[in-house]
Amino acid sequence: MPATPRFKINDRVNKKRNTGVFLAIDSTAGTIVEMKEKLNSRKRPSYYYNVKWPDGRSSEHAQHILVPAP
């Protein structure tokens, strides 16, 4: 089953982080500013998002590491 985009531009998201034993979710919510579709080694699309954080930083993450902000 091909990947489908989970988020849209301006959606609020939180980032999952690996704490070693389980996945925790950061309390800081960022805003999606850009979406990119990249092909993996099997030529299947995967989706990456540029997230703008409240402190001014921005970062790119695959959609499986992001969750909708409450």
Protein backbone atom coordinates (compact mmCIF):
# COMPACT_ATOMS: atom_id res chain seq x y z
CA MET A 1 0.00 0.00 0.00
CA PRO A 2 1.58 3.32 -1.02
CA ALA A 3 2.17 6.07 1.52
CA THR A 4 -0.28 8.95 1.65
CA PRO A 5 0.40 12.36 3.20
CA ARG A 6 -0.84 12.59 6.81
CA PHE A 7 -0.48 16.34 7.29
CA LYS A 8 -1.13 19.57 5.40
CA ILE A 9 0.62 22.93 5.40
CA ASN A 10 -0.10 24.91 8.63
CA ASP A 11 -0.99 21.76 10.63
CA ARG A 12 0.35 21.75 14.20
CA VAL A 13 2.50 18.73 15.07
CA ASN A 14 4.63 17.32 17.87
CA LYS A 15 7.74 15.21 17.37
CA LYS A 16 8.17 11.71 18.76
CA ARG A 17 11.50 11.04 20.44
CA ASN A 18 13.14 7.77 21.40
CA THR A 19 13.97 7.72 25.12
CA GLY A 20 15.57 4.28 24.94
CA VAL A 21 12.72 2.28 26.46
CA PHE A 22 9.70 3.85 24.81
CA LEU A 23 8.73 6.68 22.48
CA ALA A 24 7.85 9.94 24.19
CA ILE A 25 6.19 12.93 22.57
CA ASP A 26 7.71 16.41 22.91
CA SER A 27 5.48 19.01 24.50
CA THR A 28 6.49 21.72 22.00
CA ALA A 29 4.19 22.00 18.99
CA GLY A 30 5.51 23.18 15.64
CA THR A 31 3.84 24.22 12.40
CA ILE A 32 4.34 22.50 9.06
CA VAL A 33 5.60 24.99 6.47
CA GLU A 34 6.59 22.72 3.57
CA MET A 35 5.97 19.17 2.35
CA LYS A 36 8.35 17.14 0.14
CA GLU A 37 7.76 13.85 -1.59
CA LYS A 38 10.91 11.75 -1.92
CA LEU A 39 11.35 8.35 -3.51
CA ASN A 40 12.95 5.60 -1.45
CA SER A 41 15.29 2.92 -2.81
CA ARG A 42 12.31 0.94 -4.14
CA LYS A 43 11.01 4.04 -5.95
CA ARG A 44 8.02 4.39 -3.62
CA PRO A 45 7.02 7.85 -2.40
CA SER A 46 7.59 8.89 1.20
CA TYR A 47 6.67 12.24 2.69
CA TYR A 48 8.91 14.65 4.58
CA TYR A 49 7.84 17.85 6.29
CA ASN A 50 9.70 21.05 7.20
CA VAL A 51 8.52 22.07 10.66
CA LYS A 52 8.93 25.58 12.08
CA TRP A 53 9.29 25.50 15.88
CA PRO A 54 8.23 28.35 18.24
CA ASP A 55 11.85 29.21 19.09
CA GLY A 56 12.59 30.02 15.43
CA ARG A 57 14.32 26.77 14.44
CA SER A 58 13.13 24.66 11.55
CA SER A 59 13.80 21.00 10.81
CA GLU A 60 12.83 18.29 8.33
CA HIS A 61 11.18 15.07 9.51
CA ALA A 62 9.62 12.00 7.95
CA GLN A 63 5.89 11.74 8.60
CA HIS A 64 6.23 8.65 10.80
CA ILE A 65 8.09 10.67 13.46
CA LEU A 66 5.38 13.38 13.70
CA VAL A 67 2.01 13.26 15.47
CA PRO A 68 -0.85 15.80 15.42
CA ALA A 69 -0.63 18.34 18.25
CA PRO A 70 -3.50 18.22 20.74
